[in-house]
Amino acid sequence: MRTCSYSFRSNRVYDSCNPLPQLNAYLHHTYHASNGTVDIAYRAAASSSTNWVAWAINPSGLRMLGSQALVAYQNSSGIQVYTAPITGYAIQKGDLSFPVTNLTVEYVSSEFIIFATLTLTNNGTTVNQVWQQGTLSNGVPLTHPTTGVNVQSMGTLNFTS
């Protein structure tokens, strides 16, 4: 059985953790009711250094299209992390439909760890989440596979439970 027990190098601590059922990934989080924000750490194993990983909230359903993603990968320029609203098959940098601050990434023991603080719209604490991984071509993310565990990497998450 997979465990959420993990010691972050940056000494960060989270109130909750969910081992995600596909793609060997975990979501650690702490919800702050006082201001409607959530601190997250998304950990995902990368099967090689030419993989990208992403975790997203999708306000419109349990699918990648329409999701508001945090994306990380490593290329010749180093480790990259950015926000990307998913409007088609290309993963393009852009602003999300909600504020994201403190966006950073680490690559430790073949895992990407994306850290961020999200401001949840309308203080909604239950979200549709999707997570993915795929390969790079010339240092740029390609579309993830559309079969198997990649199309099963989604679910609903309540940040308060």
C-alpha atoms as a PDB file:
ATOM      1  CA  MET A   1       0.000   0.000   0.000  1.00  0.00           C
ATOM      2  CA  ARG A   2       1.282   3.469  -0.863  1.00  0.00           C
ATOM      3  CA  THR A   3       1.773   5.897   1.993  1.00  0.00           C
ATOM      4  CA  CYS A   4       1.613   9.665   2.176  1.00  0.00           C
ATOM      5  CA  SER A   5       4.384   9.829   4.752  1.00  0.00           C
ATOM      6  CA  TYR A   6       6.948  12.219   3.316  1.00  0.00           C
ATOM      7  CA  SER A   7       9.471  14.734   4.652  1.00  0.00           C
ATOM      8  CA  PHE A   8       9.844  17.708   2.352  1.00  0.00           C
ATOM      9  CA  ARG A   9      13.355  19.147   2.009  1.00  0.00           C
ATOM     10  CA  SER A  10      11.943  22.607   2.601  1.00  0.00           C
ATOM     11  CA  ASN A  11      10.448  21.507   5.973  1.00  0.00           C
ATOM     12  CA  ARG A  12       6.939  22.185   4.708  1.00  0.00           C
ATOM     13  CA  VAL A  13       4.124  20.414   6.528  1.00  0.00           C
ATOM     14  CA  TYR A  14       0.593  19.783   5.226  1.00  0.00           C
ATOM     15  CA  ASP A  15      -2.587  18.891   7.106  1.00  0.00           C
ATOM     16  CA  SER A  16      -3.762  16.248   4.616  1.00  0.00           C
ATOM     17  CA  CYS A  17      -2.490  13.982   1.896  1.00  0.00           C
ATOM     18  CA  ASN A  18      -4.233  11.933  -0.766  1.00  0.00           C
ATOM     19  CA  PRO A  19      -2.418   9.129  -2.572  1.00  0.00           C
ATOM     20  CA  LEU A  20      -3.883   9.515  -6.058  1.00  0.00           C
ATOM     21  CA  PRO A  21      -4.994   6.208  -7.590  1.00  0.00           C
ATOM     22  CA  GLN A  22      -3.074   6.517 -10.891  1.00  0.00           C
ATOM     23  CA  LEU A  23       0.370   7.582 -12.137  1.00  0.00           C
ATOM     24  CA  ASN A  24       2.117   7.170  -8.761  1.00  0.00           C
ATOM     25  CA  ALA A  25       1.149  10.646  -7.546  1.00  0.00           C
ATOM     26  CA  TYR A  26       0.191  12.327  -4.269  1.00  0.00           C
ATOM     27  CA  LEU A  27      -1.503  15.580  -3.319  1.00  0.00           C
ATOM     28  CA  HIS A  28      -0.554  17.130   0.025  1.00  0.00           C
ATOM     29  CA  HIS A  29      -2.651  20.131   1.080  1.00  0.00           C
ATOM     30  CA  THR A  30      -3.603  22.564   3.826  1.00  0.00           C
ATOM     31  CA  TYR A  31      -6.815  24.569   3.516  1.00  0.00           C
ATOM     32  CA  HIS A  32      -7.041  28.045   5.082  1.00  0.00           C
ATOM     33  CA  ALA A  33     -10.716  28.868   5.702  1.00  0.00           C
ATOM     34  CA  SER A  34      -9.881  32.409   6.828  1.00  0.00           C
ATOM     35  CA  ASN A  35      -8.921  33.491   3.306  1.00  0.00           C
ATOM     36  CA  GLY A  36     -10.161  30.676   1.048  1.00  0.00           C
ATOM     37  CA  THR A  37      -6.693  29.507   0.013  1.00  0.00           C
ATOM     38  CA  VAL A  38      -5.085  26.106  -0.086  1.00  0.00           C
ATOM     39  CA  ASP A  39      -1.380  25.310   0.003  1.00  0.00           C
ATOM     40  CA  ILE A  40      -0.598  22.273  -2.127  1.00  0.00           C
ATOM     41  CA  ALA A  41       2.343  20.026  -2.854  1.00  0.00           C
ATOM     42  CA  TYR A  42       1.762  17.728  -5.808  1.00  0.00           C
ATOM     43  CA  ARG A  43       4.283  14.872  -5.924  1.00  0.00           C
ATOM     44  CA  ALA A  44       4.537  12.760  -9.045  1.00  0.00           C
ATOM     45  CA  ALA A  45       7.067  10.167 -10.076  1.00  0.00           C
ATOM     46  CA  ALA A  46       8.606  10.759 -13.475  1.00  0.00           C
ATOM     47  CA  SER A  47       9.558   7.597 -15.309  1.00  0.00           C
ATOM     48  CA  SER A  48      12.355   9.541 -17.017  1.00  0.00           C
ATOM     49  CA  SER A  49      13.880  12.995 -17.130  1.00  0.00           C
ATOM     50  CA  THR A  50      12.019  13.560 -20.416  1.00  0.00           C
ATOM     51  CA  ASN A  51       8.596  13.450 -18.760  1.00  0.00           C
ATOM     52  CA  TRP A  52       6.296  16.291 -17.780  1.00  0.00           C
ATOM     53  CA  VAL A  53       3.773  16.155 -14.946  1.00  0.00           C
ATOM     54  CA  ALA A  54       0.688  18.230 -14.231  1.00  0.00           C
ATOM     55  CA  TRP A  55      -1.999  18.602 -11.586  1.00  0.00           C
ATOM     56  CA  ALA A  56      -5.119  20.628 -12.272  1.00  0.00           C
ATOM     57  CA  ILE A  57      -8.502  21.787 -11.078  1.00  0.00           C
ATOM     58  CA  ASN A  58     -11.240  21.640 -13.677  1.00  0.00           C
ATOM     59  CA  PRO A  59     -14.261  23.824 -12.823  1.00  0.00           C
ATOM     60  CA  SER A  60     -16.276  22.255 -15.660  1.00  0.00           C
ATOM     61  CA  GLY A  61     -15.861  18.518 -15.121  1.00  0.00           C
ATOM     62  CA  LEU A  62     -13.659  15.458 -14.730  1.00  0.00           C
ATOM     63  CA  ARG A  63     -11.509  15.878 -17.839  1.00  0.00           C
ATOM     64  CA  MET A  64      -8.313  17.583 -18.916  1.00  0.00           C
ATOM     65  CA  LEU A  65      -9.936  19.962 -21.409  1.00  0.00           C
ATOM     66  CA  GLY A  66     -10.986  23.065 -19.491  1.00  0.00           C
ATOM     67  CA  SER A  67      -8.696  22.366 -16.563  1.00  0.00           C
ATOM     68  CA  GLN A  68      -6.500  24.926 -14.850  1.00  0.00           C
ATOM     69  CA  ALA A  69      -3.119  23.204 -14.612  1.00  0.00           C
ATOM     70  CA  LEU A  70       0.202  23.431 -12.834  1.00  0.00           C
ATOM     71  CA  VAL A  71       2.848  21.927 -15.137  1.00  0.00           C
ATOM     72  CA  ALA A  72       6.450  20.886 -14.444  1.00  0.00           C
ATOM     73  CA  TYR A  73       9.243  19.327 -16.463  1.00  0.00           C
ATOM     74  CA  GLN A  74      12.975  19.427 -16.956  1.00  0.00           C
ATOM     75  CA  ASN A  75      14.700  20.515 -20.162  1.00  0.00           C
ATOM     76  CA  SER A  76      18.072  21.949 -21.181  1.00  0.00           C
ATOM     77  CA  SER A  77      17.170  25.225 -19.419  1.00  0.00           C
ATOM     78  CA  GLY A  78      16.567  23.429 -16.100  1.00  0.00           C
ATOM     79  CA  ILE A  79      13.398  22.610 -14.202  1.00  0.00           C
ATOM     80  CA  GLN A  80      10.360  24.493 -15.477  1.00  0.00           C
ATOM     81  CA  VAL A  81       7.062  25.144 -13.689  1.00  0.00           C
ATOM     82  CA  TYR A  82       4.164  27.265 -14.868  1.00  0.00           C
ATOM     83  CA  THR A  83       0.396  27.622 -15.011  1.00  0.00           C
ATOM     84  CA  ALA A  84      -1.519  26.535 -18.101  1.00  0.00           C
ATOM     85  CA  PRO A  85      -5.230  26.797 -18.863  1.00  0.00           C
ATOM     86  CA  ILE A  86      -5.942  23.695 -20.959  1.00  0.00           C
ATOM     87  CA  THR A  87      -8.025  24.822 -23.931  1.00  0.00           C
ATOM     88  CA  GLY A  88      -6.799  22.295 -26.498  1.00  0.00           C
ATOM     89  CA  TYR A  89      -4.172  19.638 -27.033  1.00  0.00           C
ATOM     90  CA  ALA A  90      -1.171  21.954 -26.622  1.00  0.00           C
ATOM     91  CA  ILE A  91       0.013  22.859 -23.127  1.00  0.00           C
ATOM     92  CA  GLN A  92       0.545  26.623 -23.308  1.00  0.00           C
ATOM     93  CA  LYS A  93       1.616  28.913 -20.482  1.00  0.00           C
ATOM     94  CA  GLY A  94      -1.093  31.281 -19.323  1.00  0.00           C
ATOM     95  CA  ASP A  95      -3.024  32.689 -16.399  1.00  0.00           C
ATOM     96  CA  LEU A  96      -5.553  30.468 -14.659  1.00  0.00           C
ATOM     97  CA  SER A  97      -9.136  31.341 -13.782  1.00  0.00           C
ATOM     98  CA  PHE A  98      -8.083  31.673 -10.119  1.00  0.00           C
ATOM     99  CA  PRO A  99      -5.004  33.235  -8.502  1.00  0.00           C
ATOM    100  CA  VAL A 100      -1.903  31.077  -7.974  1.00  0.00           C
ATOM    101  CA  THR A 101       1.001  32.287  -5.842  1.00  0.00           C
ATOM    102  CA  ASN A 102       4.203  30.775  -4.451  1.00  0.00           C
ATOM    103  CA  LEU A 103       4.564  28.486  -7.483  1.00  0.00           C
ATOM    104  CA  THR A 104       7.818  26.543  -7.254  1.00  0.00           C
ATOM    105  CA  VAL A 105       9.090  23.088  -8.130  1.00  0.00           C
ATOM    106  CA  GLU A 106      11.696  20.617  -6.918  1.00  0.00           C
ATOM    107  CA  TYR A 107      12.981  17.438  -8.542  1.00  0.00           C
ATOM    108  CA  VAL A 108      13.964  14.923  -5.871  1.00  0.00           C
ATOM    109  CA  SER A 109      14.617  11.181  -6.257  1.00  0.00           C
ATOM    110  CA  SER A 110      12.903  10.985  -9.680  1.00  0.00           C
ATOM    111  CA  GLU A 111       9.859  12.894  -8.405  1.00  0.00           C
ATOM    112  CA  PHE A 112       8.632  16.322  -9.376  1.00  0.00           C
ATOM    113  CA  ILE A 113       7.116  18.244  -6.473  1.00  0.00           C
ATOM    114  CA  ILE A 114       5.017  21.261  -7.434  1.00  0.00           C
ATOM    115  CA  PHE A 115       4.298  23.709  -4.617  1.00  0.00           C
ATOM    116  CA  ALA A 116       1.666  26.441  -4.884  1.00  0.00           C
ATOM    117  CA  THR A 117      -0.943  28.439  -3.033  1.00  0.00           C
ATOM    118  CA  LEU A 118      -4.334  28.514  -4.771  1.00  0.00           C
ATOM    119  CA  THR A 119      -7.141  30.963  -4.091  1.00  0.00           C
ATOM    120  CA  LEU A 120     -10.343  28.962  -4.445  1.00  0.00           C
ATOM    121  CA  THR A 121     -13.162  30.746  -6.249  1.00  0.00           C
ATOM    122  CA  ASN A 122     -16.265  31.425  -4.138  1.00  0.00           C
ATOM    123  CA  ASN A 123     -14.474  29.665  -1.255  1.00  0.00           C
ATOM    124  CA  GLY A 124     -15.479  26.361  -2.877  1.00  0.00           C
ATOM    125  CA  THR A 125     -13.659  23.530  -1.141  1.00  0.00           C
ATOM    126  CA  THR A 126     -14.776  20.622  -3.354  1.00  0.00           C
ATOM    127  CA  VAL A 127     -13.087  20.515  -6.748  1.00  0.00           C
ATOM    128  CA  ASN A 128     -12.677  18.279  -9.771  1.00  0.00           C
ATOM    129  CA  GLN A 129      -9.030  17.334 -10.016  1.00  0.00           C
ATOM    130  CA  VAL A 130      -7.081  15.800 -12.870  1.00  0.00           C
ATOM    131  CA  TRP A 131      -3.420  14.868 -13.011  1.00  0.00           C
ATOM    132  CA  GLN A 132      -1.251  13.740 -15.885  1.00  0.00           C
ATOM    133  CA  GLN A 133       2.156  12.926 -17.206  1.00  0.00           C
ATOM    134  CA  GLY A 134       3.548  12.704 -20.693  1.00  0.00           C
ATOM    135  CA  THR A 135       6.749  13.003 -22.659  1.00  0.00           C
ATOM    136  CA  LEU A 136       8.705  15.913 -24.068  1.00  0.00           C
ATOM    137  CA  SER A 137       9.856  16.559 -27.606  1.00  0.00           C
ATOM    138  CA  ASN A 138      12.682  19.066 -28.050  1.00  0.00           C
ATOM    139  CA  GLY A 139      12.093  20.198 -24.461  1.00  0.00           C
ATOM    140  CA  VAL A 140       8.367  20.867 -24.957  1.00  0.00           C
ATOM    141  CA  PRO A 141       5.455  18.827 -23.486  1.00  0.00           C
ATOM    142  CA  LEU A 142       3.603  16.581 -25.934  1.00  0.00           C
ATOM    143  CA  THR A 143      -0.018  15.481 -25.512  1.00  0.00           C
ATOM    144  CA  HIS A 144      -0.337  12.784 -22.846  1.00  0.00           C
ATOM    145  CA  PRO A 145      -1.492   9.282 -23.810  1.00  0.00           C
ATOM    146  CA  THR A 146      -5.262   9.015 -24.253  1.00  0.00           C
ATOM    147  CA  THR A 147      -5.597   5.433 -23.030  1.00  0.00           C
ATOM    148  CA  GLY A 148      -5.047   3.434 -19.855  1.00  0.00           C
ATOM    149  CA  VAL A 149      -4.186   5.124 -16.582  1.00  0.00           C
ATOM    150  CA  ASN A 150      -3.924   8.562 -18.201  1.00  0.00           C
ATOM    151  CA  VAL A 151      -7.657   8.686 -18.886  1.00  0.00           C
ATOM    152  CA  GLN A 152      -8.375   7.366 -15.378  1.00  0.00           C
ATOM    153  CA  SER A 153      -6.399  10.118 -13.615  1.00  0.00           C
ATOM    154  CA  MET A 154      -9.234  12.222 -12.268  1.00  0.00           C
ATOM    155  CA  GLY A 155     -11.507  12.542  -9.261  1.00  0.00           C
ATOM    156  CA  THR A 156     -13.289  14.835  -6.868  1.00  0.00           C
ATOM    157  CA  LEU A 157     -11.436  16.314  -3.914  1.00  0.00           C
ATOM    158  CA  ASN A 158     -12.730  18.082  -0.819  1.00  0.00           C
ATOM    159  CA  PHE A 159      -9.977  20.196   0.743  1.00  0.00           C
ATOM    160  CA  THR A 160     -11.736  20.184   4.145  1.00  0.00           C
ATOM    161  CA  SER A 161     -12.063  16.430   4.603  1.00  0.00           C
END
